[in-house]
Amino acid sequence: DVNSHNIMVDATRLRFGLVDFGLAVDIAKWRGPIGASSWHLVDIGGDCRYWPMSAWLQFECGWQELAKYPTLAAEYRTRLDLHPLGLVA
């Protein structure tokens, strides 16, 4: 998950790095058909203060409701970390 606690800064070289991959998933399984490792059924993790709207919709209503909103479903399936990255940038 991308949040302010998982970004390392090397001020001497002005370099940044993401250091926590505890919530990493197998992308083929994540984007694949409904199954135990797909976006449909995997529990949402990370710091909810950094969740985009699509994550909240998935959390509150489930994948069937999220699937009714193609733009939000695409964000959830393919760009989940862009929202929190923008917040900490």
PDB file of N, CA and C in Angstrom:
ATOM      1  N   ASP A   1       0.846  -1.185   0.000  1.00  0.00           N
ATOM      2  CA  ASP A   1       0.000   0.000   0.000  1.00  0.00           C
ATOM      3  C   ASP A   1       0.883   1.238   0.000  1.00  0.00           C
ATOM      4  N   VAL A   2       0.451   2.239  -0.716  1.00  0.00           N
ATOM      5  CA  VAL A   2       1.196   3.492  -0.782  1.00  0.00           C
ATOM      6  C   VAL A   2       0.624   4.435   0.266  1.00  0.00           C
ATOM      7  N   ASN A   3       1.470   4.859   1.181  1.00  0.00           N
ATOM      8  CA  ASN A   3       1.105   5.898   2.138  1.00  0.00           C
ATOM      9  C   ASN A   3       2.393   6.552   2.627  1.00  0.00           C
ATOM     10  N   SER A   4       2.276   7.593   3.386  1.00  0.00           N
ATOM     11  CA  SER A   4       3.439   8.373   3.787  1.00  0.00           C
ATOM     12  C   SER A   4       4.451   7.574   4.606  1.00  0.00           C
ATOM     13  N   HIS A   5       4.027   6.507   5.248  1.00  0.00           N
ATOM     14  CA  HIS A   5       4.932   5.695   6.062  1.00  0.00           C
ATOM     15  C   HIS A   5       5.785   4.745   5.226  1.00  0.00           C
ATOM     16  N   ASN A   6       5.409   4.533   3.977  1.00  0.00           N
ATOM     17  CA  ASN A   6       6.095   3.562   3.134  1.00  0.00           C
ATOM     18  C   ASN A   6       6.969   4.202   2.055  1.00  0.00           C
ATOM     19  N   ILE A   7       7.239   5.475   2.170  1.00  0.00           N
ATOM     20  CA  ILE A   7       8.085   6.156   1.191  1.00  0.00           C
ATOM     21  C   ILE A   7       9.374   6.585   1.879  1.00  0.00           C
ATOM     22  N   MET A   8      10.488   6.122   1.333  1.00  0.00           N
ATOM     23  CA  MET A   8      11.807   6.493   1.858  1.00  0.00           C
ATOM     24  C   MET A   8      12.339   7.654   1.017  1.00  0.00           C
ATOM     25  N   VAL A   9      12.982   8.578   1.677  1.00  0.00           N
ATOM     26  CA  VAL A   9      13.552   9.741   0.998  1.00  0.00           C
ATOM     27  C   VAL A   9      15.045   9.784   1.292  1.00  0.00           C
ATOM     28  N   ASP A  10      15.851   9.849   0.235  1.00  0.00           N
ATOM     29  CA  ASP A  10      17.289  10.058   0.357  1.00  0.00           C
ATOM     30  C   ASP A  10      17.530  11.517  -0.015  1.00  0.00           C
ATOM     31  N   ALA A  11      17.596  12.377   0.995  1.00  0.00           N
ATOM     32  CA  ALA A  11      17.695  13.825   0.757  1.00  0.00           C
ATOM     33  C   ALA A  11      19.017  14.225   0.123  1.00  0.00           C
ATOM     34  N   THR A  12      20.060  13.443   0.338  1.00  0.00           N
ATOM     35  CA  THR A  12      21.359  13.809  -0.237  1.00  0.00           C
ATOM     36  C   THR A  12      21.375  13.639  -1.748  1.00  0.00           C
ATOM     37  N   ARG A  13      20.598  12.702  -2.251  1.00  0.00           N
ATOM     38  CA  ARG A  13      20.549  12.454  -3.700  1.00  0.00           C
ATOM     39  C   ARG A  13      19.199  12.826  -4.313  1.00  0.00           C
ATOM     40  N   LEU A  14      18.280  13.297  -3.491  1.00  0.00           N
ATOM     41  CA  LEU A  14      16.916  13.614  -3.937  1.00  0.00           C
ATOM     42  C   LEU A  14      16.276  12.414  -4.645  1.00  0.00           C
ATOM     43  N   ARG A  15      16.337  11.260  -3.977  1.00  0.00           N
ATOM     44  CA  ARG A  15      15.739  10.041  -4.506  1.00  0.00           C
ATOM     45  C   ARG A  15      14.647   9.568  -3.553  1.00  0.00           C
ATOM     46  N   PHE A  16      13.634   8.940  -4.133  1.00  0.00           N
ATOM     47  CA  PHE A  16      12.508   8.431  -3.365  1.00  0.00           C
ATOM     48  C   PHE A  16      12.325   6.952  -3.685  1.00  0.00           C
ATOM     49  N   GLY A  17      11.805   6.202  -2.733  1.00  0.00           N
ATOM     50  CA  GLY A  17      11.544   4.792  -2.971  1.00  0.00           C
ATOM     51  C   GLY A  17      10.373   4.287  -2.159  1.00  0.00           C
ATOM     52  N   LEU A  18       9.669   3.312  -2.721  1.00  0.00           N
ATOM     53  CA  LEU A  18       8.558   2.660  -2.041  1.00  0.00           C
ATOM     54  C   LEU A  18       9.121   1.421  -1.357  1.00  0.00           C
ATOM     55  N   VAL A  19       8.871   1.242  -0.059  1.00  0.00           N
ATOM     56  CA  VAL A  19       9.551   0.201   0.686  1.00  0.00           C
ATOM     57  C   VAL A  19       8.672  -0.895   1.274  1.00  0.00           C
ATOM     58  N   ASP A  20       7.377  -0.823   1.188  1.00  0.00           N
ATOM     59  CA  ASP A  20       6.514  -1.824   1.812  1.00  0.00           C
ATOM     60  C   ASP A  20       5.691  -2.528   0.745  1.00  0.00           C
ATOM     61  N   PHE A  21       5.896  -3.821   0.609  1.00  0.00           N
ATOM     62  CA  PHE A  21       5.150  -4.582  -0.377  1.00  0.00           C
ATOM     63  C   PHE A  21       4.331  -5.692   0.290  1.00  0.00           C
ATOM     64  N   GLY A  22       3.936  -5.481   1.516  1.00  0.00           N
ATOM     65  CA  GLY A  22       3.173  -6.468   2.265  1.00  0.00           C
ATOM     66  C   GLY A  22       1.810  -6.776   1.670  1.00  0.00           C
ATOM     67  N   LEU A  23       1.260  -5.861   0.892  1.00  0.00           N
ATOM     68  CA  LEU A  23      -0.056  -6.081   0.293  1.00  0.00           C
ATOM     69  C   LEU A  23       0.026  -6.379  -1.202  1.00  0.00           C
ATOM     70  N   ALA A  24       1.208  -6.713  -1.690  1.00  0.00           N
ATOM     71  CA  ALA A  24       1.380  -7.019  -3.110  1.00  0.00           C
ATOM     72  C   ALA A  24       0.562  -8.253  -3.479  1.00  0.00           C
ATOM     73  N   VAL A  25       0.074  -8.278  -4.709  1.00  0.00           N
ATOM     74  CA  VAL A  25      -0.730  -9.411  -5.186  1.00  0.00           C
ATOM     75  C   VAL A  25      -0.171  -9.907  -6.515  1.00  0.00           C
ATOM     76  N   ASP A  26      -0.536 -11.130  -6.875  1.00  0.00           N
ATOM     77  CA  ASP A  26      -0.210 -11.685  -8.186  1.00  0.00           C
ATOM     78  C   ASP A  26      -1.178 -11.043  -9.181  1.00  0.00           C
ATOM     79  N   ILE A  27      -0.660 -10.219 -10.076  1.00  0.00           N
ATOM     80  CA  ILE A  27      -1.516  -9.418 -10.962  1.00  0.00           C
ATOM     81  C   ILE A  27      -2.392 -10.294 -11.867  1.00  0.00           C
ATOM     82  N   ALA A  28      -1.880 -11.422 -12.317  1.00  0.00           N
ATOM     83  CA  ALA A  28      -2.677 -12.293 -13.188  1.00  0.00           C
ATOM     84  C   ALA A  28      -3.889 -12.852 -12.438  1.00  0.00           C
ATOM     85  N   LYS A  29      -3.694 -13.232 -11.191  1.00  0.00           N
ATOM     86  CA  LYS A  29      -4.808 -13.735 -10.392  1.00  0.00           C
ATOM     87  C   LYS A  29      -5.744 -12.610  -9.994  1.00  0.00           C
ATOM     88  N   TRP A  30      -5.186 -11.445  -9.648  1.00  0.00           N
ATOM     89  CA  TRP A  30      -5.980 -10.281  -9.240  1.00  0.00           C
ATOM     90  C   TRP A  30      -6.949  -9.869 -10.337  1.00  0.00           C
ATOM     91  N   ARG A  31      -6.466  -9.792 -11.573  1.00  0.00           N
ATOM     92  CA  ARG A  31      -7.296  -9.338 -12.694  1.00  0.00           C
ATOM     93  C   ARG A  31      -8.077 -10.464 -13.350  1.00  0.00           C
ATOM     94  N   GLY A  32      -7.838 -11.694 -12.945  1.00  0.00           N
ATOM     95  CA  GLY A  32      -8.464 -12.848 -13.570  1.00  0.00           C
ATOM     96  C   GLY A  32      -9.933 -13.020 -13.217  1.00  0.00           C
ATOM     97  N   PRO A  33     -10.470 -14.179 -13.569  1.00  0.00           N
ATOM     98  CA  PRO A  33     -11.890 -14.457 -13.278  1.00  0.00           C
ATOM     99  C   PRO A  33     -12.132 -14.567 -11.775  1.00  0.00           C
ATOM    100  N   ILE A  34     -13.386 -14.555 -11.391  1.00  0.00           N
ATOM    101  CA  ILE A  34     -13.756 -14.622  -9.973  1.00  0.00           C
ATOM    102  C   ILE A  34     -13.107 -15.833  -9.328  1.00  0.00           C
ATOM    103  N   GLY A  35     -12.395 -15.574  -8.257  1.00  0.00           N
ATOM    104  CA  GLY A  35     -11.719 -16.641  -7.532  1.00  0.00           C
ATOM    105  C   GLY A  35     -11.157 -16.095  -6.231  1.00  0.00           C
ATOM    106  N   ALA A  36     -10.585 -16.958  -5.437  1.00  0.00           N
ATOM    107  CA  ALA A  36     -10.098 -16.578  -4.108  1.00  0.00           C
ATOM    108  C   ALA A  36      -9.036 -15.482  -4.137  1.00  0.00           C
ATOM    109  N   SER A  37      -8.299 -15.347  -5.250  1.00  0.00           N
ATOM    110  CA  SER A  37      -7.241 -14.334  -5.350  1.00  0.00           C
ATOM    111  C   SER A  37      -7.595 -13.185  -6.280  1.00  0.00           C
ATOM    112  N   SER A  38      -8.832 -13.134  -6.775  1.00  0.00           N
ATOM    113  CA  SER A  38      -9.217 -12.067  -7.708  1.00  0.00           C
ATOM    114  C   SER A  38      -9.706 -10.834  -6.953  1.00  0.00           C
ATOM    115  N   TRP A  39      -9.764  -9.727  -7.660  1.00  0.00           N
ATOM    116  CA  TRP A  39     -10.197  -8.460  -7.054  1.00  0.00           C
ATOM    117  C   TRP A  39     -11.600  -8.550  -6.496  1.00  0.00           C
ATOM    118  N   HIS A  40     -12.369  -9.476  -7.002  1.00  0.00           N
ATOM    119  CA  HIS A  40     -13.751  -9.632  -6.553  1.00  0.00           C
ATOM    120  C   HIS A  40     -13.841 -10.020  -5.076  1.00  0.00           C
ATOM    121  N   LEU A  41     -12.908 -10.887  -4.624  1.00  0.00           N
ATOM    122  CA  LEU A  41     -13.056 -11.510  -3.312  1.00  0.00           C
ATOM    123  C   LEU A  41     -11.931 -11.228  -2.318  1.00  0.00           C
ATOM    124  N   VAL A  42     -10.814 -10.686  -2.762  1.00  0.00           N
ATOM    125  CA  VAL A  42      -9.704 -10.411  -1.843  1.00  0.00           C
ATOM    126  C   VAL A  42     -10.096  -9.266  -0.909  1.00  0.00           C
ATOM    127  N   ASP A  43      -9.857  -9.462   0.375  1.00  0.00           N
ATOM    128  CA  ASP A  43     -10.159  -8.406   1.345  1.00  0.00           C
ATOM    129  C   ASP A  43      -9.329  -7.157   1.075  1.00  0.00           C
ATOM    130  N   ILE A  44      -9.921  -6.024   1.292  1.00  0.00           N
ATOM    131  CA  ILE A  44      -9.240  -4.745   1.101  1.00  0.00           C
ATOM    132  C   ILE A  44      -8.295  -4.525   2.272  1.00  0.00           C
ATOM    133  N   GLY A  45      -7.115  -4.035   1.978  1.00  0.00           N
ATOM    134  CA  GLY A  45      -6.125  -3.783   3.025  1.00  0.00           C
ATOM    135  C   GLY A  45      -5.565  -2.381   2.909  1.00  0.00           C
ATOM    136  N   GLY A  46      -4.604  -2.110   3.742  1.00  0.00           N
ATOM    137  CA  GLY A  46      -3.951  -0.805   3.720  1.00  0.00           C
ATOM    138  C   GLY A  46      -4.649   0.185   4.629  1.00  0.00           C
ATOM    139  N   ASP A  47      -4.131   1.367   4.635  1.00  0.00           N
ATOM    140  CA  ASP A  47      -4.635   2.454   5.471  1.00  0.00           C
ATOM    141  C   ASP A  47      -5.827   3.111   4.777  1.00  0.00           C
ATOM    142  N   CYS A  48      -6.998   2.979   5.353  1.00  0.00           N
ATOM    143  CA  CYS A  48      -8.216   3.469   4.696  1.00  0.00           C
ATOM    144  C   CYS A  48      -8.221   4.981   4.479  1.00  0.00           C
ATOM    145  N   ARG A  49      -7.362   5.704   5.155  1.00  0.00           N
ATOM    146  CA  ARG A  49      -7.282   7.159   4.915  1.00  0.00           C
ATOM    147  C   ARG A  49      -6.767   7.463   3.517  1.00  0.00           C
ATOM    148  N   TYR A  50      -6.180   6.470   2.866  1.00  0.00           N
ATOM    149  CA  TYR A  50      -5.615   6.655   1.536  1.00  0.00           C
ATOM    150  C   TYR A  50      -6.413   5.936   0.454  1.00  0.00           C
ATOM    151  N   TRP A  51      -7.548   5.349   0.797  1.00  0.00           N
ATOM    152  CA  TRP A  51      -8.348   4.612  -0.178  1.00  0.00           C
ATOM    153  C   TRP A  51      -9.048   5.568  -1.140  1.00  0.00           C
ATOM    154  N   PRO A  52      -9.096   5.218  -2.436  1.00  0.00           N
ATOM    155  CA  PRO A  52      -9.921   5.980  -3.380  1.00  0.00           C
ATOM    156  C   PRO A  52     -11.387   5.574  -3.225  1.00  0.00           C
ATOM    157  N   MET A  53     -12.261   6.281  -3.897  1.00  0.00           N
ATOM    158  CA  MET A  53     -13.689   6.003  -3.803  1.00  0.00           C
ATOM    159  C   MET A  53     -14.021   4.571  -4.208  1.00  0.00           C
ATOM    160  N   SER A  54     -13.314   4.055  -5.210  1.00  0.00           N
ATOM    161  CA  SER A  54     -13.594   2.679  -5.655  1.00  0.00           C
ATOM    162  C   SER A  54     -13.349   1.663  -4.541  1.00  0.00           C
ATOM    163  N   ALA A  55     -12.335   1.874  -3.720  1.00  0.00           N
ATOM    164  CA  ALA A  55     -12.058   0.956  -2.610  1.00  0.00           C
ATOM    165  C   ALA A  55     -13.166   1.022  -1.563  1.00  0.00           C
ATOM    166  N   TRP A  56     -13.661   2.227  -1.313  1.00  0.00           N
ATOM    167  CA  TRP A  56     -14.757   2.363  -0.346  1.00  0.00           C
ATOM    168  C   TRP A  56     -16.034   1.695  -0.861  1.00  0.00           C
ATOM    169  N   LEU A  57     -16.303   1.838  -2.150  1.00  0.00           N
ATOM    170  CA  LEU A  57     -17.493   1.203  -2.722  1.00  0.00           C
ATOM    171  C   LEU A  57     -17.370  -0.323  -2.630  1.00  0.00           C
ATOM    172  N   GLN A  58     -16.194  -0.856  -2.942  1.00  0.00           N
ATOM    173  CA  GLN A  58     -15.955  -2.294  -2.825  1.00  0.00           C
ATOM    174  C   GLN A  58     -16.132  -2.748  -1.367  1.00  0.00           C
ATOM    175  N   PHE A  59     -15.593  -1.988  -0.454  1.00  0.00           N
ATOM    176  CA  PHE A  59     -15.664  -2.321   0.973  1.00  0.00           C
ATOM    177  C   PHE A  59     -17.104  -2.299   1.490  1.00  0.00           C
ATOM    178  N   GLU A  60     -17.832  -1.266   1.147  1.00  0.00           N
ATOM    179  CA  GLU A  60     -19.196  -1.086   1.665  1.00  0.00           C
ATOM    180  C   GLU A  60     -20.240  -1.958   0.963  1.00  0.00           C
ATOM    181  N   CYS A  61     -20.090  -2.135  -0.361  1.00  0.00           N
ATOM    182  CA  CYS A  61     -21.172  -2.757  -1.130  1.00  0.00           C
ATOM    183  C   CYS A  61     -20.793  -4.037  -1.866  1.00  0.00           C
ATOM    184  N   GLY A  62     -19.506  -4.314  -2.007  1.00  0.00           N
ATOM    185  CA  GLY A  62     -19.074  -5.527  -2.691  1.00  0.00           C
ATOM    186  C   GLY A  62     -18.817  -5.331  -4.168  1.00  0.00           C
ATOM    187  N   TRP A  63     -18.257  -6.368  -4.777  1.00  0.00           N
ATOM    188  CA  TRP A  63     -17.832  -6.257  -6.165  1.00  0.00           C
ATOM    189  C   TRP A  63     -18.991  -6.132  -7.142  1.00  0.00           C
ATOM    190  N   GLN A  64     -20.144  -6.708  -6.803  1.00  0.00           N
ATOM    191  CA  GLN A  64     -21.285  -6.619  -7.720  1.00  0.00           C
ATOM    192  C   GLN A  64     -21.719  -5.154  -7.911  1.00  0.00           C
ATOM    193  N   GLU A  65     -21.730  -4.400  -6.834  1.00  0.00           N
ATOM    194  CA  GLU A  65     -22.102  -2.987  -6.933  1.00  0.00           C
ATOM    195  C   GLU A  65     -21.008  -2.194  -7.639  1.00  0.00           C
ATOM    196  N   LEU A  66     -19.753  -2.457  -7.302  1.00  0.00           N
ATOM    197  CA  LEU A  66     -18.640  -1.761  -7.945  1.00  0.00           C
ATOM    198  C   LEU A  66     -18.639  -2.004  -9.447  1.00  0.00           C
ATOM    199  N   ALA A  67     -18.972  -3.211  -9.866  1.00  0.00           N
ATOM    200  CA  ALA A  67     -18.989  -3.550 -11.290  1.00  0.00           C
ATOM    201  C   ALA A  67     -20.016  -2.732 -12.076  1.00  0.00           C
ATOM    202  N   LYS A  68     -20.996  -2.149 -11.410  1.00  0.00           N
ATOM    203  CA  LYS A  68     -21.998  -1.309 -12.079  1.00  0.00           C
ATOM    204  C   LYS A  68     -21.420   0.033 -12.532  1.00  0.00           C
ATOM    205  N   TYR A  69     -20.237   0.371 -12.043  1.00  0.00           N
ATOM    206  CA  TYR A  69     -19.590   1.647 -12.356  1.00  0.00           C
ATOM    207  C   TYR A  69     -18.248   1.343 -13.027  1.00  0.00           C
ATOM    208  N   PRO A  70     -18.243   1.199 -14.359  1.00  0.00           N
ATOM    209  CA  PRO A  70     -17.044   0.747 -15.069  1.00  0.00           C
ATOM    210  C   PRO A  70     -15.782   1.567 -14.788  1.00  0.00           C
ATOM    211  N   THR A  71     -15.904   2.863 -14.651  1.00  0.00           N
ATOM    212  CA  THR A  71     -14.731   3.688 -14.395  1.00  0.00           C
ATOM    213  C   THR A  71     -14.141   3.390 -13.020  1.00  0.00           C
ATOM    214  N   LEU A  72     -15.001   3.294 -12.017  1.00  0.00           N
ATOM    215  CA  LEU A  72     -14.524   2.970 -10.674  1.00  0.00           C
ATOM    216  C   LEU A  72     -13.996   1.541 -10.603  1.00  0.00           C
ATOM    217  N   ALA A  73     -14.652   0.617 -11.289  1.00  0.00           N
ATOM    218  CA  ALA A  73     -14.185  -0.770 -11.296  1.00  0.00           C
ATOM    219  C   ALA A  73     -12.808  -0.866 -11.953  1.00  0.00           C
ATOM    220  N   ALA A  74     -12.601  -0.123 -13.031  1.00  0.00           N
ATOM    221  CA  ALA A  74     -11.292  -0.117 -13.693  1.00  0.00           C
ATOM    222  C   ALA A  74     -10.232   0.479 -12.772  1.00  0.00           C
ATOM    223  N   GLU A  75     -10.572   1.548 -12.067  1.00  0.00           N
ATOM    224  CA  GLU A  75      -9.625   2.127 -11.107  1.00  0.00           C
ATOM    225  C   GLU A  75      -9.252   1.093 -10.054  1.00  0.00           C
ATOM    226  N   TYR A  76     -10.230   0.399  -9.527  1.00  0.00           N
ATOM    227  CA  TYR A  76      -9.991  -0.584  -8.472  1.00  0.00           C
ATOM    228  C   TYR A  76      -9.127  -1.740  -8.979  1.00  0.00           C
ATOM    229  N   ARG A  77      -9.397  -2.188 -10.181  1.00  0.00           N
ATOM    230  CA  ARG A  77      -8.663  -3.332 -10.725  1.00  0.00           C
ATOM    231  C   ARG A  77      -7.254  -2.974 -11.188  1.00  0.00           C
ATOM    232  N   THR A  78      -7.043  -1.752 -11.684  1.00  0.00           N
ATOM    233  CA  THR A  78      -5.778  -1.464 -12.372  1.00  0.00           C
ATOM    234  C   THR A  78      -4.979  -0.282 -11.837  1.00  0.00           C
ATOM    235  N   ARG A  79      -5.592   0.609 -11.089  1.00  0.00           N
ATOM    236  CA  ARG A  79      -4.880   1.825 -10.677  1.00  0.00           C
ATOM    237  C   ARG A  79      -5.104   2.164  -9.203  1.00  0.00           C
ATOM    238  N   LEU A  80      -5.218   1.165  -8.378  1.00  0.00           N
ATOM    239  CA  LEU A  80      -5.575   1.360  -6.980  1.00  0.00           C
ATOM    240  C   LEU A  80      -4.569   2.217  -6.212  1.00  0.00           C
ATOM    241  N   ASP A  81      -3.295   2.148  -6.568  1.00  0.00           N
ATOM    242  CA  ASP A  81      -2.276   2.902  -5.835  1.00  0.00           C
ATOM    243  C   ASP A  81      -2.044   4.319  -6.347  1.00  0.00           C
ATOM    244  N   LEU A  82      -2.657   4.713  -7.443  1.00  0.00           N
ATOM    245  CA  LEU A  82      -2.431   6.075  -7.952  1.00  0.00           C
ATOM    246  C   LEU A  82      -3.043   7.140  -7.066  1.00  0.00           C
ATOM    247  N   HIS A  83      -4.201   6.882  -6.510  1.00  0.00           N
ATOM    248  CA  HIS A  83      -4.848   7.847  -5.608  1.00  0.00           C
ATOM    249  C   HIS A  83      -3.994   8.135  -4.387  1.00  0.00           C
ATOM    250  N   PRO A  84      -3.561   7.107  -3.647  1.00  0.00           N
ATOM    251  CA  PRO A  84      -2.716   7.401  -2.478  1.00  0.00           C
ATOM    252  C   PRO A  84      -1.367   7.999  -2.855  1.00  0.00           C
ATOM    253  N   LEU A  85      -0.838   7.628  -4.006  1.00  0.00           N
ATOM    254  CA  LEU A  85       0.423   8.230  -4.435  1.00  0.00           C
ATOM    255  C   LEU A  85       0.245   9.727  -4.655  1.00  0.00           C
ATOM    256  N   GLY A  86      -0.857  10.117  -5.227  1.00  0.00           N
ATOM    257  CA  GLY A  86      -1.163  11.540  -5.399  1.00  0.00           C
ATOM    258  C   GLY A  86      -1.328  12.272  -4.077  1.00  0.00           C
ATOM    259  N   LEU A  87      -1.908  11.599  -3.088  1.00  0.00           N
ATOM    260  CA  LEU A  87      -2.098  12.222  -1.786  1.00  0.00           C
ATOM    261  C   LEU A  87      -0.777  12.482  -1.070  1.00  0.00           C
ATOM    262  N   VAL A  88       0.192  11.597  -1.224  1.00  0.00           N
ATOM    263  CA  VAL A  88       1.453  11.779  -0.519  1.00  0.00           C
ATOM    264  C   VAL A  88       2.490  12.532  -1.331  1.00  0.00           C
ATOM    265  N   ALA A  89       2.208  12.775  -2.593  1.00  0.00           N
ATOM    266  CA  ALA A  89       3.175  13.485  -3.453  1.00  0.00           C
ATOM    267  C   ALA A  89       3.396  14.914  -3.022  1.00  0.00           C
TER     268      ALA A  89
END
